[in-house]
Amino acid sequence: MSSTIKGKVALVTGGSRGIGAATARMLGRNGASKVVLHYNGYQQGAEEVAADLKALGCGSDLIQANLATDSGIRELIAALASIAPEVDILINNAGHLLKRAKLAEFTMETYDQVMNLNAKSVYFVAQAVVPSMIAKKSGFIVNLSSIAARNGGGPGATIYAASKAAVACITKGLAKELAPHGIRVNAVSPGTVDNYFHEKYSTQQMLDSVVTMTPAGRLGTNEEIADTIQFLLSDAAVYMHGQTLEVNGGMYMV
């Protein structure tokens, strides 16, 4: 059990499945007092995660909001103010491709939705929780970037990749600003993970190709990404600020 997590209040955006759900369960196993689970469309998944947290002795609250819109970001922040006005750990995990579309097919509306969900929400949810962290002189923010930010993404994923590159940049800027206040800001950049995201957006042929090109010879798991997040929240990472950890089985090497 991690002493840096025990007794803390956490917010996980996109917590109903995949990496977010695995991270929420990791927080519960490590003694978090409460995990606020944000979700958009998958209420059943959020409720299942909440039930798992209850079994671990961890409290939870659910907030529904569409972070692809300005109004949804505001709704999450407003709900958080009453449900959990003091957050110790923020996991900015919510993100999606929305759809694969090439340059000629892309619309300004889709561009705004992708950027709002993957980048704008990261910045403004952090803005909402940071004041109480500053007051306590402690806190953790872990943002989810992507290998797509390093290689431009797969077919039709250019703007998704750009939004995840923005996340890595936001991580560095916030780390510089918040480290003097005792707040650690870092990011995790997953490679291709065997989860719902790629069930929806990637063909089996695409996934087989990734496995062939990956030195580890397989896709990643949600739990492996959650384990990396646990490391960033631990005392073992106490001198790490503004870093984006690549977790991809060797598919991309810095």
Protein backbone atom coordinates (compact mmCIF):
# COMPACT_ATOMS: atom_id res chain seq x y z
CA MET A 1 0.00 0.00 0.00
CA SER A 2 1.41 3.37 -1.02
CA SER A 3 1.64 5.88 1.82
CA THR A 4 1.33 8.73 -0.69
CA ILE A 5 -2.12 7.48 -1.75
CA LYS A 6 -3.52 6.26 1.57
CA GLY A 7 -6.26 8.54 2.91
CA LYS A 8 -6.22 10.80 -0.18
CA VAL A 9 -9.09 12.00 -2.36
CA ALA A 10 -8.60 11.35 -6.07
CA LEU A 11 -10.36 12.35 -9.26
CA VAL A 12 -10.09 10.08 -12.29
CA THR A 13 -11.55 11.43 -15.51
CA GLY A 14 -12.69 8.78 -17.95
CA GLY A 15 -12.94 6.33 -15.07
CA SER A 16 -15.62 3.96 -16.36
CA ARG A 17 -13.37 1.59 -18.33
CA GLY A 18 -9.87 0.94 -19.65
CA ILE A 19 -6.90 2.73 -18.12
CA GLY A 20 -9.13 4.98 -16.03
CA ALA A 21 -10.96 2.09 -14.41
CA ALA A 22 -7.71 0.20 -13.75
CA THR A 23 -6.23 3.34 -12.19
CA ALA A 24 -9.27 3.89 -9.98
CA ARG A 25 -9.00 0.33 -8.69
CA MET A 26 -5.27 0.78 -8.10
CA LEU A 27 -6.03 3.87 -6.01
CA GLY A 28 -8.61 1.94 -4.01
CA ARG A 29 -6.20 -0.92 -3.35
CA ASN A 30 -3.64 1.57 -2.10
CA GLY A 31 -5.94 3.10 0.49
CA ALA A 32 -7.43 6.19 -1.15
CA SER A 33 -10.28 7.45 1.01
CA LYS A 34 -12.41 8.43 -1.99
CA VAL A 35 -12.17 8.26 -5.77
CA VAL A 36 -14.38 10.58 -7.80
CA LEU A 37 -15.15 8.81 -11.08
CA HIS A 38 -15.93 10.94 -14.08
CA TYR A 39 -17.60 9.26 -17.04
CA ASN A 40 -19.48 10.33 -20.13
CA GLY A 41 -21.61 7.63 -21.75
CA TYR A 42 -20.77 4.39 -19.93
CA GLN A 43 -22.64 4.69 -16.64
CA GLN A 44 -22.75 0.92 -16.08
CA GLY A 45 -18.97 0.73 -16.18
CA ALA A 46 -18.62 3.59 -13.72
CA GLU A 47 -21.06 1.90 -11.35
CA GLU A 48 -19.12 -1.36 -11.59
CA VAL A 49 -15.88 0.42 -10.73
CA ALA A 50 -17.63 2.16 -7.82
CA ALA A 51 -18.80 -1.24 -6.53
CA ASP A 52 -15.24 -2.56 -6.70
CA LEU A 53 -14.01 0.47 -4.78
CA LYS A 54 -16.65 -0.07 -2.09
CA ALA A 55 -15.47 -3.66 -1.70
CA LEU A 56 -11.95 -2.28 -1.15
CA GLY A 57 -13.22 0.08 1.57
CA CYS A 58 -12.88 3.15 -0.63
CA GLY A 59 -15.62 5.71 -1.11
CA SER A 60 -16.63 6.99 -4.52
CA ASP A 61 -18.78 9.54 -6.29
CA LEU A 62 -19.83 9.56 -9.93
CA ILE A 63 -19.95 12.62 -12.19
CA GLN A 64 -21.30 12.48 -15.74
CA ALA A 65 -20.03 15.12 -18.17
CA ASN A 66 -19.13 15.35 -21.84
CA LEU A 67 -15.64 16.85 -21.78
CA ALA A 68 -15.65 17.27 -25.56
CA THR A 69 -17.71 20.42 -24.95
CA ASP A 70 -17.02 23.62 -23.02
CA SER A 71 -20.29 23.16 -21.12
CA GLY A 72 -19.31 19.63 -20.12
CA ILE A 73 -15.97 20.79 -18.73
CA ARG A 74 -17.79 23.46 -16.72
CA GLU A 75 -20.34 20.90 -15.47
CA LEU A 76 -17.60 18.61 -14.17
CA ILE A 77 -15.86 21.47 -12.40
CA ALA A 78 -19.13 22.68 -10.84
CA ALA A 79 -20.05 19.19 -9.62
CA LEU A 80 -16.59 18.68 -8.22
CA ALA A 81 -16.84 21.87 -6.16
CA SER A 82 -19.68 20.36 -4.13
CA ILE A 83 -18.71 16.67 -4.17
CA ALA A 84 -14.96 16.97 -3.58
CA PRO A 85 -13.78 20.55 -3.06
CA GLU A 86 -10.31 19.30 -2.09
CA VAL A 87 -8.67 16.82 -4.46
CA ASP A 88 -5.22 15.44 -3.60
CA ILE A 89 -4.66 13.36 -6.75
CA LEU A 90 -5.84 14.24 -10.24
CA ILE A 91 -5.62 11.65 -13.02
CA ASN A 92 -6.46 13.39 -16.30
CA ASN A 93 -7.31 10.26 -18.26
CA ALA A 94 -10.41 11.16 -20.28
CA GLY A 95 -9.66 11.06 -23.97
CA HIS A 96 -10.82 9.69 -27.26
CA LEU A 97 -10.13 9.68 -30.96
CA LEU A 98 -13.86 10.27 -31.68
CA LYS A 99 -13.34 9.01 -35.24
CA ARG A 100 -10.62 8.33 -37.76
CA ALA A 101 -10.75 10.97 -40.49
CA LYS A 102 -8.23 12.18 -43.04
CA LEU A 103 -7.51 15.86 -43.72
CA ALA A 104 -10.15 16.25 -46.44
CA GLU A 105 -12.82 14.65 -44.24
CA PHE A 106 -12.16 16.49 -40.99
CA THR A 107 -14.52 19.22 -39.77
CA MET A 108 -13.91 22.20 -37.52
CA GLU A 109 -16.52 20.82 -35.12
CA THR A 110 -14.68 17.51 -34.75
CA TYR A 111 -11.37 19.35 -34.36
CA ASP A 112 -12.79 21.36 -31.43
CA GLN A 113 -14.31 18.27 -29.81
CA VAL A 114 -11.04 16.32 -29.97
CA MET A 115 -9.00 19.21 -28.61
CA ASN A 116 -11.52 19.96 -25.86
CA LEU A 117 -11.67 16.37 -24.68
CA ASN A 118 -7.99 15.52 -24.85
CA ALA A 119 -6.25 18.81 -24.03
CA LYS A 120 -8.55 21.63 -22.89
CA SER A 121 -10.16 19.51 -20.16
CA VAL A 122 -6.70 18.59 -18.84
CA TYR A 123 -5.77 22.22 -18.34
CA PHE A 124 -9.02 23.51 -16.86
CA VAL A 125 -9.73 20.56 -14.57
CA ALA A 126 -6.21 21.06 -13.22
CA GLN A 127 -6.99 24.76 -12.78
CA ALA A 128 -10.03 23.80 -10.68
CA VAL A 129 -8.25 21.42 -8.28
CA VAL A 130 -4.90 23.13 -7.85
CA PRO A 131 -5.90 25.88 -5.34
CA SER A 132 -6.53 23.38 -2.55
CA MET A 133 -3.29 21.57 -3.41
CA ILE A 134 -1.38 24.84 -3.15
CA ALA A 135 -3.00 25.50 0.21
CA LYS A 136 -1.82 22.09 1.45
CA LYS A 137 1.57 22.41 -0.28
CA SER A 138 1.10 18.95 -1.74
CA GLY A 139 -0.65 17.23 -4.60
CA PHE A 140 -0.27 15.02 -7.65
CA ILE A 141 -1.36 15.46 -11.24
CA VAL A 142 -0.82 12.69 -13.77
CA ASN A 143 -1.90 13.36 -17.34
CA LEU A 144 -2.38 10.74 -20.06
CA SER A 145 -0.56 11.46 -23.28
CA SER A 146 -0.02 8.85 -26.03
CA ILE A 147 2.58 7.32 -28.30
CA ALA A 148 0.59 9.08 -31.03
CA ALA A 149 2.05 12.35 -29.77
CA ARG A 150 5.51 11.09 -30.73
CA ASN A 151 4.76 9.53 -34.12
CA GLY A 152 1.81 11.53 -35.44
CA GLY A 153 -0.72 8.77 -34.85
CA GLY A 154 -2.18 6.13 -37.12
CA PRO A 155 -4.36 6.71 -40.19
CA GLY A 156 -6.87 9.51 -39.62
CA ALA A 157 -5.61 10.32 -36.12
CA THR A 158 -3.57 13.48 -36.77
CA ILE A 159 -5.57 15.82 -34.53
CA TYR A 160 -5.82 13.21 -31.78
CA ALA A 161 -2.03 12.93 -31.92
CA ALA A 162 -1.69 16.72 -31.81
CA SER A 163 -3.96 16.92 -28.77
CA LYS A 164 -1.85 14.35 -26.96
CA ALA A 165 1.31 16.27 -27.84
CA ALA A 166 -0.38 19.29 -26.24
CA VAL A 167 -0.90 17.20 -23.10
CA ALA A 168 2.83 16.49 -22.87
CA CYS A 169 3.57 20.20 -23.29
CA ILE A 170 0.94 21.21 -20.71
CA THR A 171 2.52 18.73 -18.32
CA LYS A 172 5.91 20.44 -18.59
CA GLY A 173 4.47 23.94 -18.19
CA LEU A 174 2.35 23.02 -15.17
CA ALA A 175 5.26 21.17 -13.57
CA LYS A 176 7.41 24.30 -13.73
CA GLU A 177 4.63 26.41 -12.26
CA LEU A 178 3.50 24.03 -9.53
CA ALA A 179 6.67 22.27 -8.34
CA PRO A 180 7.53 25.19 -6.01
CA HIS A 181 4.16 24.58 -4.32
CA GLY A 182 4.89 20.94 -3.57
CA ILE A 183 2.79 19.61 -6.45
CA ARG A 184 4.19 16.92 -8.75
CA VAL A 185 2.95 17.00 -12.34
CA ASN A 186 3.92 14.20 -14.71
CA ALA A 187 2.44 12.25 -17.59
CA VAL A 188 2.23 8.71 -18.92
CA SER A 189 2.35 8.00 -22.65
CA PRO A 190 0.89 4.57 -23.38
CA GLY A 191 1.60 2.67 -26.53
CA THR A 192 -1.10 0.44 -27.98
CA VAL A 193 -3.07 -1.03 -25.09
CA ASP A 194 -5.43 -4.00 -25.42
CA ASN A 195 -8.65 -2.24 -24.43
CA TYR A 196 -11.94 -0.75 -25.63
CA PHE A 197 -10.25 2.20 -27.37
CA HIS A 198 -8.61 -0.07 -29.90
CA GLU A 199 -11.59 -2.42 -30.09
CA LYS A 200 -13.47 0.63 -31.39
CA TYR A 201 -10.87 2.39 -33.52
CA SER A 202 -8.37 -0.23 -34.71
CA THR A 203 -8.78 -3.28 -36.94
CA GLN A 204 -7.28 -6.62 -36.01
CA GLN A 205 -4.88 -6.18 -38.91
CA MET A 206 -3.68 -2.87 -37.45
CA LEU A 207 -3.18 -4.44 -34.01
CA ASP A 208 -1.35 -7.45 -35.42
CA SER A 209 0.99 -5.06 -37.24
CA VAL A 210 1.70 -3.19 -34.00
CA VAL A 211 2.50 -6.43 -32.18
CA THR A 212 4.90 -7.42 -34.96
CA MET A 213 6.75 -4.09 -34.66
CA THR A 214 6.81 -4.07 -30.84
CA PRO A 215 10.00 -5.53 -29.29
CA ALA A 216 8.03 -6.93 -26.36
CA GLY A 217 5.88 -8.81 -28.86
CA ARG A 218 2.48 -7.93 -27.41
CA LEU A 219 0.07 -5.13 -26.62
CA GLY A 220 0.06 -3.42 -23.24
CA THR A 221 -2.59 -3.80 -20.53
CA ASN A 222 -4.64 -1.27 -18.61
CA GLU A 223 -3.09 -2.50 -15.37
CA GLU A 224 0.46 -1.91 -16.61
CA ILE A 225 -0.38 1.73 -17.27
CA ALA A 226 -2.02 2.00 -13.85
CA ASP A 227 1.15 0.55 -12.29
CA THR A 228 3.20 3.30 -13.94
CA ILE A 229 0.81 5.90 -12.56
CA GLN A 230 1.22 4.33 -9.11
CA PHE A 231 4.97 4.75 -9.46
CA LEU A 232 4.58 8.44 -10.32
CA LEU A 233 2.44 8.90 -7.21
CA SER A 234 4.97 7.16 -4.97
CA ASP A 235 7.95 8.43 -3.00
CA ALA A 236 10.14 6.56 -5.48
CA ALA A 237 9.35 9.34 -7.97
CA VAL A 238 9.73 12.21 -5.55
CA TYR A 239 12.25 14.08 -7.72
CA MET A 240 10.35 13.60 -10.96
CA HIS A 241 8.62 16.68 -12.35
CA GLY A 242 7.34 17.38 -15.85
CA GLN A 243 8.23 13.96 -17.23
CA THR A 244 6.29 11.93 -19.77
CA LEU A 245 7.00 8.24 -19.26
CA GLU A 246 6.79 6.12 -22.41
CA VAL A 247 5.15 2.76 -21.71
CA ASN A 248 4.93 0.88 -24.99
CA GLY A 249 6.90 -2.37 -24.95
CA GLY A 250 9.75 -0.74 -26.85
CA MET A 251 7.61 0.40 -29.79
CA TYR A 252 8.94 3.92 -29.28
CA MET A 253 12.25 4.61 -27.54
CA VAL A 254 13.38 8.06 -26.44
